[in-house]
Amino acid sequence: MVGDSVVLRSGGRLAGARLGCHVREEDSGRRETFSAEWLDLELSTRPEEGWCRREVDTQHRETLEHRGETRVLEQRSPWGVLRLGCLGTPGTPITQHLLPYARTLPLPLFAPPDLRGAKLARTLSRSLSHEAQRG
């Protein structure tokens, strides 16, 4: 279970977020239901390595230190797609990766009765394999 979505703020600014997604389908005619829940988006703020500004005022005995921050975005989907990237950093686009495990969705959850016959299922699987080869 993913749990509730959470948005974190620090000093009035967005510091992080965990957003879940829940999908539910019902076919009342066939008395079938489908439910799926997953962690969809995770946004976190991390210190940026190698970026620090420090000012020291010895006369007033004051020190000011400021560290850079990076907002890291991770987005997952049940189709096996993972998107990663840093927000607000020019020149670094969000990359998309296809995870190596088999896709679980988008299978037709409630297939019409005419597709369940052996003859139609065979031609359907051929047409799907041709589509997969075309991209």
N, C-alpha and C. Protein backbone atom coordinates (compact mmCIF):
# COMPACT_ATOMS: atom_id res chain seq x y z
N MET A 1 0.84 -1.17 0.00
CA MET A 1 0.00 0.00 0.00
C MET A 1 0.89 1.24 0.00
N VAL A 2 0.60 2.17 -0.88
CA VAL A 2 1.42 3.37 -1.04
C VAL A 2 1.18 4.37 0.08
N GLY A 3 -0.04 4.55 0.50
CA GLY A 3 -0.34 5.51 1.56
C GLY A 3 -0.74 6.85 0.99
N ASP A 4 -0.89 7.82 1.88
CA ASP A 4 -1.33 9.14 1.47
C ASP A 4 -0.22 9.90 0.76
N SER A 5 -0.63 10.81 -0.12
CA SER A 5 0.33 11.69 -0.77
C SER A 5 0.80 12.73 0.23
N VAL A 6 2.07 13.11 0.15
CA VAL A 6 2.67 14.04 1.11
C VAL A 6 3.44 15.11 0.35
N VAL A 7 3.24 16.37 0.75
CA VAL A 7 4.01 17.49 0.20
C VAL A 7 4.71 18.17 1.37
N LEU A 8 6.04 18.31 1.27
CA LEU A 8 6.84 18.92 2.34
C LEU A 8 7.27 20.32 1.94
N ARG A 9 7.13 21.25 2.88
CA ARG A 9 7.57 22.62 2.65
C ARG A 9 8.56 23.01 3.73
N SER A 10 9.54 23.83 3.35
CA SER A 10 10.52 24.33 4.29
C SER A 10 10.74 25.81 4.02
N GLY A 11 10.40 26.65 4.97
CA GLY A 11 10.56 28.09 4.78
C GLY A 11 9.66 28.63 3.68
N GLY A 12 8.50 28.03 3.49
CA GLY A 12 7.57 28.49 2.45
C GLY A 12 7.88 27.96 1.07
N ARG A 13 8.95 27.19 0.93
CA ARG A 13 9.34 26.65 -0.37
C ARG A 13 9.10 25.15 -0.40
N LEU A 14 8.86 24.63 -1.60
CA LEU A 14 8.66 23.21 -1.78
C LEU A 14 9.97 22.46 -1.53
N ALA A 15 9.97 21.53 -0.57
CA ALA A 15 11.18 20.78 -0.24
C ALA A 15 11.12 19.35 -0.76
N GLY A 16 9.92 18.80 -0.88
CA GLY A 16 9.80 17.43 -1.35
C GLY A 16 8.35 17.02 -1.47
N ALA A 17 8.12 15.93 -2.18
CA ALA A 17 6.76 15.42 -2.34
C ALA A 17 6.80 13.94 -2.68
N ARG A 18 5.81 13.21 -2.19
CA ARG A 18 5.57 11.80 -2.55
C ARG A 18 4.11 11.70 -2.95
N LEU A 19 3.87 11.43 -4.22
CA LEU A 19 2.51 11.38 -4.72
C LEU A 19 2.19 9.99 -5.22
N GLY A 20 1.12 9.43 -4.70
CA GLY A 20 0.69 8.10 -5.10
C GLY A 20 -0.45 8.19 -6.10
N CYS A 21 -0.74 7.08 -6.74
CA CYS A 21 -1.82 7.01 -7.70
C CYS A 21 -2.64 5.74 -7.43
N HIS A 22 -3.94 5.87 -7.58
CA HIS A 22 -4.83 4.73 -7.35
C HIS A 22 -5.81 4.65 -8.52
N VAL A 23 -5.93 3.47 -9.13
CA VAL A 23 -6.84 3.24 -10.25
C VAL A 23 -7.78 2.12 -9.87
N ARG A 24 -9.07 2.32 -10.17
CA ARG A 24 -10.06 1.28 -9.89
C ARG A 24 -11.03 1.21 -11.06
N GLU A 25 -11.27 0.01 -11.55
CA GLU A 25 -12.23 -0.22 -12.64
C GLU A 25 -13.24 -1.25 -12.19
N GLU A 26 -14.46 -1.07 -12.64
CA GLU A 26 -15.52 -2.03 -12.31
C GLU A 26 -16.30 -2.37 -13.57
N ASP A 27 -16.62 -3.63 -13.71
CA ASP A 27 -17.52 -4.11 -14.75
C ASP A 27 -18.67 -4.78 -14.02
N SER A 28 -19.74 -3.99 -13.79
CA SER A 28 -20.84 -4.51 -12.99
C SER A 28 -21.60 -5.63 -13.70
N GLY A 29 -21.60 -5.62 -15.02
CA GLY A 29 -22.28 -6.66 -15.77
C GLY A 29 -21.65 -8.03 -15.56
N ARG A 30 -20.35 -8.07 -15.51
CA ARG A 30 -19.64 -9.34 -15.32
C ARG A 30 -19.21 -9.55 -13.87
N ARG A 31 -19.49 -8.58 -13.02
CA ARG A 31 -19.10 -8.62 -11.61
C ARG A 31 -17.59 -8.77 -11.44
N GLU A 32 -16.85 -7.94 -12.17
CA GLU A 32 -15.38 -7.95 -12.09
C GLU A 32 -14.90 -6.58 -11.66
N THR A 33 -13.86 -6.56 -10.86
CA THR A 33 -13.23 -5.30 -10.46
C THR A 33 -11.73 -5.42 -10.58
N PHE A 34 -11.08 -4.29 -10.80
CA PHE A 34 -9.63 -4.22 -10.86
C PHE A 34 -9.20 -3.00 -10.07
N SER A 35 -8.15 -3.14 -9.29
CA SER A 35 -7.64 -2.04 -8.49
C SER A 35 -6.11 -2.08 -8.51
N ALA A 36 -5.48 -0.92 -8.70
CA ALA A 36 -4.01 -0.83 -8.69
C ALA A 36 -3.61 0.45 -7.97
N GLU A 37 -2.50 0.38 -7.25
CA GLU A 37 -1.99 1.52 -6.50
C GLU A 37 -0.47 1.51 -6.59
N TRP A 38 0.14 2.66 -6.86
CA TRP A 38 1.59 2.72 -6.95
C TRP A 38 2.10 4.11 -6.57
N LEU A 39 3.37 4.19 -6.21
CA LEU A 39 4.03 5.46 -5.95
C LEU A 39 4.38 6.06 -7.30
N ASP A 40 3.74 7.16 -7.65
CA ASP A 40 3.87 7.72 -8.99
C ASP A 40 5.01 8.73 -9.10
N LEU A 41 5.10 9.66 -8.17
CA LEU A 41 6.07 10.74 -8.31
C LEU A 41 6.74 11.01 -6.97
N GLU A 42 8.06 11.19 -7.02
CA GLU A 42 8.81 11.53 -5.82
C GLU A 42 9.74 12.69 -6.16
N LEU A 43 9.60 13.77 -5.42
CA LEU A 43 10.41 14.97 -5.63
C LEU A 43 11.15 15.25 -4.33
N SER A 44 12.47 15.38 -4.41
CA SER A 44 13.25 15.64 -3.20
C SER A 44 14.26 16.76 -3.46
N THR A 45 14.57 17.49 -2.41
CA THR A 45 15.56 18.56 -2.48
C THR A 45 16.82 18.08 -1.78
N ARG A 46 17.93 18.13 -2.50
CA ARG A 46 19.21 17.67 -1.95
C ARG A 46 20.26 18.77 -2.10
N PRO A 47 21.25 18.79 -1.22
CA PRO A 47 22.33 19.77 -1.38
C PRO A 47 23.12 19.48 -2.66
N GLU A 48 23.46 20.53 -3.36
CA GLU A 48 24.23 20.38 -4.59
C GLU A 48 25.71 20.31 -4.25
N GLU A 49 26.34 19.24 -4.67
CA GLU A 49 27.76 19.05 -4.33
C GLU A 49 28.63 20.07 -5.06
N GLY A 50 29.62 20.60 -4.36
CA GLY A 50 30.58 21.51 -4.96
C GLY A 50 30.09 22.94 -5.11
N TRP A 51 28.93 23.26 -4.55
CA TRP A 51 28.41 24.63 -4.66
C TRP A 51 28.12 25.15 -3.27
N CYS A 52 28.97 26.07 -2.83
CA CYS A 52 28.81 26.66 -1.51
C CYS A 52 29.40 28.07 -1.54
N ARG A 53 28.67 29.02 -0.99
CA ARG A 53 29.17 30.40 -0.89
C ARG A 53 29.28 30.73 0.58
N ARG A 54 30.45 31.20 0.98
CA ARG A 54 30.69 31.51 2.39
C ARG A 54 31.32 32.90 2.48
N GLU A 55 30.71 33.75 3.31
CA GLU A 55 31.24 35.09 3.53
C GLU A 55 31.49 35.27 5.03
N VAL A 56 32.64 35.80 5.35
CA VAL A 56 33.01 36.01 6.76
C VAL A 56 33.30 37.49 6.97
N ASP A 57 32.63 38.08 7.94
CA ASP A 57 32.86 39.47 8.33
C ASP A 57 33.51 39.44 9.71
N THR A 58 34.85 39.55 9.75
CA THR A 58 35.57 39.45 11.02
C THR A 58 35.33 40.66 11.91
N GLN A 59 35.05 41.81 11.29
CA GLN A 59 34.83 43.01 12.09
C GLN A 59 33.57 42.87 12.95
N HIS A 60 32.49 42.33 12.37
CA HIS A 60 31.24 42.17 13.11
C HIS A 60 31.06 40.74 13.63
N ARG A 61 32.04 39.89 13.40
CA ARG A 61 32.01 38.48 13.81
C ARG A 61 30.76 37.76 13.29
N GLU A 62 30.55 37.91 11.99
CA GLU A 62 29.40 37.26 11.33
C GLU A 62 29.89 36.36 10.20
N THR A 63 29.19 35.28 10.04
CA THR A 63 29.49 34.35 8.95
C THR A 63 28.19 34.02 8.22
N LEU A 64 28.23 34.07 6.91
CA LEU A 64 27.08 33.71 6.09
C LEU A 64 27.50 32.57 5.17
N GLU A 65 26.73 31.51 5.21
CA GLU A 65 27.03 30.36 4.37
C GLU A 65 25.76 29.96 3.62
N HIS A 66 25.89 29.78 2.32
CA HIS A 66 24.74 29.40 1.49
C HIS A 66 25.16 28.22 0.61
N ARG A 67 24.37 27.15 0.67
CA ARG A 67 24.64 25.96 -0.15
C ARG A 67 23.58 25.84 -1.24
N GLY A 68 24.02 25.40 -2.40
CA GLY A 68 23.09 25.20 -3.51
C GLY A 68 22.22 23.97 -3.29
N GLU A 69 21.05 23.97 -3.93
CA GLU A 69 20.12 22.86 -3.81
C GLU A 69 19.75 22.35 -5.20
N THR A 70 19.50 21.06 -5.26
CA THR A 70 19.05 20.42 -6.49
C THR A 70 17.73 19.73 -6.18
N ARG A 71 16.76 19.90 -7.06
CA ARG A 71 15.48 19.20 -6.92
C ARG A 71 15.49 18.01 -7.86
N VAL A 72 15.45 16.82 -7.28
CA VAL A 72 15.52 15.57 -8.04
C VAL A 72 14.11 15.02 -8.19
N LEU A 73 13.77 14.68 -9.45
CA LEU A 73 12.44 14.15 -9.76
C LEU A 73 12.56 12.70 -10.19
N GLU A 74 11.73 11.83 -9.59
CA GLU A 74 11.62 10.43 -9.98
C GLU A 74 10.15 10.16 -10.23
N GLN A 75 9.82 9.66 -11.42
CA GLN A 75 8.44 9.33 -11.72
C GLN A 75 8.38 7.92 -12.27
N ARG A 76 7.50 7.10 -11.68
CA ARG A 76 7.36 5.70 -12.08
C ARG A 76 5.95 5.47 -12.61
N SER A 77 5.82 4.46 -13.44
CA SER A 77 4.49 4.08 -13.91
C SER A 77 4.41 2.57 -13.96
N PRO A 78 3.19 2.03 -13.89
CA PRO A 78 3.06 0.57 -13.94
C PRO A 78 3.39 -0.02 -15.30
N TRP A 79 3.61 0.82 -16.30
CA TRP A 79 3.99 0.34 -17.63
C TRP A 79 5.48 0.10 -17.73
N GLY A 80 6.21 0.26 -16.64
CA GLY A 80 7.65 0.00 -16.64
C GLY A 80 8.48 1.17 -17.12
N VAL A 81 7.95 2.38 -17.04
CA VAL A 81 8.68 3.58 -17.46
C VAL A 81 9.14 4.33 -16.22
N LEU A 82 10.40 4.73 -16.21
CA LEU A 82 10.98 5.50 -15.11
C LEU A 82 11.55 6.78 -15.69
N ARG A 83 11.12 7.93 -15.15
CA ARG A 83 11.65 9.23 -15.58
C ARG A 83 12.47 9.80 -14.44
N LEU A 84 13.70 10.26 -14.76
CA LEU A 84 14.61 10.83 -13.77
C LEU A 84 15.15 12.15 -14.28
N GLY A 85 15.40 13.07 -13.37
CA GLY A 85 16.00 14.32 -13.78
C GLY A 85 16.08 15.32 -12.65
N CYS A 86 16.75 16.42 -12.93
CA CYS A 86 16.87 17.52 -11.98
C CYS A 86 16.07 18.70 -12.51
N LEU A 87 15.21 19.26 -11.67
CA LEU A 87 14.39 20.40 -12.06
C LEU A 87 15.17 21.68 -11.88
N GLY A 88 14.96 22.63 -12.78
CA GLY A 88 15.57 23.94 -12.67
C GLY A 88 17.02 24.00 -13.09
N THR A 89 17.57 22.92 -13.64
CA THR A 89 18.94 22.92 -14.10
C THR A 89 18.94 22.98 -15.63
N PRO A 90 19.36 24.11 -16.21
CA PRO A 90 19.33 24.21 -17.67
C PRO A 90 20.32 23.24 -18.32
N GLY A 91 19.92 22.69 -19.44
CA GLY A 91 20.80 21.79 -20.17
C GLY A 91 20.74 20.34 -19.73
N THR A 92 19.98 20.02 -18.69
CA THR A 92 19.85 18.63 -18.25
C THR A 92 18.38 18.22 -18.34
N PRO A 93 17.99 17.61 -19.44
CA PRO A 93 16.58 17.22 -19.59
C PRO A 93 16.25 16.01 -18.71
N ILE A 94 14.97 15.82 -18.49
CA ILE A 94 14.50 14.65 -17.74
C ILE A 94 14.60 13.44 -18.67
N THR A 95 15.31 12.40 -18.22
CA THR A 95 15.51 11.22 -19.05
C THR A 95 14.45 10.18 -18.74
N GLN A 96 14.16 9.38 -19.75
CA GLN A 96 13.14 8.34 -19.61
C GLN A 96 13.79 6.99 -19.86
N HIS A 97 13.52 6.02 -18.99
CA HIS A 97 14.08 4.68 -19.10
C HIS A 97 12.96 3.66 -19.08
N LEU A 98 13.10 2.62 -19.89
CA LEU A 98 12.15 1.52 -19.88
C LEU A 98 12.75 0.42 -19.00
N LEU A 99 12.06 0.09 -17.93
CA LEU A 99 12.58 -0.91 -16.99
C LEU A 99 12.51 -2.30 -17.61
N PRO A 100 13.42 -3.20 -17.24
CA PRO A 100 13.53 -4.48 -17.92
C PRO A 100 12.44 -5.50 -17.63
N TYR A 101 11.59 -5.30 -16.62
CA TYR A 101 10.58 -6.30 -16.36
C TYR A 101 9.40 -6.15 -17.30
N ALA A 102 8.62 -7.21 -17.44
CA ALA A 102 7.50 -7.23 -18.37
C ALA A 102 6.42 -6.24 -17.95
N ARG A 103 5.78 -5.67 -18.93
CA ARG A 103 4.70 -4.72 -18.65
C ARG A 103 3.49 -5.45 -18.09
N THR A 104 2.87 -4.87 -17.08
CA THR A 104 1.67 -5.49 -16.51
C THR A 104 0.41 -4.81 -17.02
N LEU A 105 0.47 -3.56 -17.38
CA LEU A 105 -0.63 -2.82 -17.97
C LEU A 105 -0.10 -2.23 -19.27
N PRO A 106 -0.81 -1.83 -20.22
CA PRO A 106 -2.24 -1.72 -20.36
C PRO A 106 -2.85 -2.93 -21.06
N LEU A 107 -3.09 -3.97 -20.37
CA LEU A 107 -3.85 -5.10 -20.89
C LEU A 107 -5.32 -4.75 -20.82
N PRO A 108 -6.10 -5.17 -21.81
CA PRO A 108 -7.53 -4.92 -21.68
C PRO A 108 -8.08 -5.74 -20.52
N LEU A 109 -8.54 -5.07 -19.50
CA LEU A 109 -8.97 -5.76 -18.29
C LEU A 109 -10.26 -6.54 -18.51
N PHE A 110 -11.19 -5.94 -19.23
CA PHE A 110 -12.46 -6.59 -19.48
C PHE A 110 -12.60 -6.75 -20.99
N ALA A 111 -12.11 -7.84 -21.51
CA ALA A 111 -12.15 -8.08 -22.96
C ALA A 111 -13.56 -8.45 -23.37
N PRO A 112 -14.02 -7.95 -24.52
CA PRO A 112 -15.35 -8.33 -25.01
C PRO A 112 -15.41 -9.84 -25.25
N PRO A 113 -16.59 -10.45 -25.13
CA PRO A 113 -16.71 -11.91 -25.27
C PRO A 113 -16.25 -12.43 -26.62
N ASP A 114 -16.40 -11.64 -27.71
CA ASP A 114 -16.01 -12.14 -29.03
C ASP A 114 -14.49 -12.26 -29.19
N LEU A 115 -13.72 -11.59 -28.34
CA LEU A 115 -12.26 -11.71 -28.41
C LEU A 115 -11.74 -12.92 -27.65
N ARG A 116 -12.59 -13.56 -26.87
CA ARG A 116 -12.14 -14.68 -26.06
C ARG A 116 -12.13 -16.00 -26.80
N GLY A 117 -12.68 -16.03 -28.03
CA GLY A 117 -12.65 -17.26 -28.83
C GLY A 117 -11.23 -17.56 -29.28
N ALA A 118 -10.93 -18.83 -29.50
CA ALA A 118 -9.57 -19.26 -29.85
C ALA A 118 -9.12 -18.66 -31.17
N LYS A 119 -10.02 -18.63 -32.18
CA LYS A 119 -9.68 -18.13 -33.50
C LYS A 119 -9.32 -16.64 -33.44
N LEU A 120 -10.18 -15.85 -32.80
CA LEU A 120 -9.91 -14.41 -32.69
C LEU A 120 -8.68 -14.12 -31.86
N ALA A 121 -8.46 -14.87 -30.78
CA ALA A 121 -7.31 -14.63 -29.91
C ALA A 121 -6.01 -14.85 -30.68
N ARG A 122 -6.01 -15.81 -31.56
CA ARG A 122 -4.80 -16.10 -32.34
C ARG A 122 -4.48 -14.95 -33.30
N THR A 123 -5.50 -14.44 -34.01
CA THR A 123 -5.25 -13.33 -34.93
C THR A 123 -4.93 -12.06 -34.15
N LEU A 124 -5.53 -11.89 -32.98
CA LEU A 124 -5.24 -10.73 -32.15
C LEU A 124 -3.80 -10.75 -31.67
N SER A 125 -3.31 -11.92 -31.25
CA SER A 125 -1.93 -11.99 -30.79
C SER A 125 -0.95 -11.75 -31.93
N ARG A 126 -1.30 -12.20 -33.14
CA ARG A 126 -0.44 -11.91 -34.29
C ARG A 126 -0.39 -10.43 -34.59
N SER A 127 -1.55 -9.78 -34.58
CA SER A 127 -1.56 -8.34 -34.88
C SER A 127 -0.83 -7.55 -33.80
N LEU A 128 -0.93 -7.98 -32.54
CA LEU A 128 -0.19 -7.30 -31.48
C LEU A 128 1.30 -7.50 -31.62
N SER A 129 1.73 -8.70 -32.03
CA SER A 129 3.16 -8.91 -32.21
C SER A 129 3.70 -8.12 -33.38
N HIS A 130 2.89 -7.96 -34.44
CA HIS A 130 3.31 -7.11 -35.56
C HIS A 130 3.43 -5.66 -35.13
N GLU A 131 2.49 -5.22 -34.30
CA GLU A 131 2.56 -3.84 -33.79
C GLU A 131 3.80 -3.64 -32.93
N ALA A 132 4.12 -4.61 -32.11
CA ALA A 132 5.29 -4.51 -31.24
C ALA A 132 6.58 -4.45 -32.05
N GLN A 133 6.63 -5.17 -33.18
CA GLN A 133 7.83 -5.14 -34.02
C GLN A 133 7.96 -3.80 -34.72
N ARG A 134 6.83 -3.17 -35.08
CA ARG A 134 6.88 -1.86 -35.75
C ARG A 134 7.27 -0.75 -34.79
N GLY A 135 7.07 -0.95 -33.50
CA GLY A 135 7.45 0.06 -32.52
C GLY A 135 6.27 0.72 -32.00
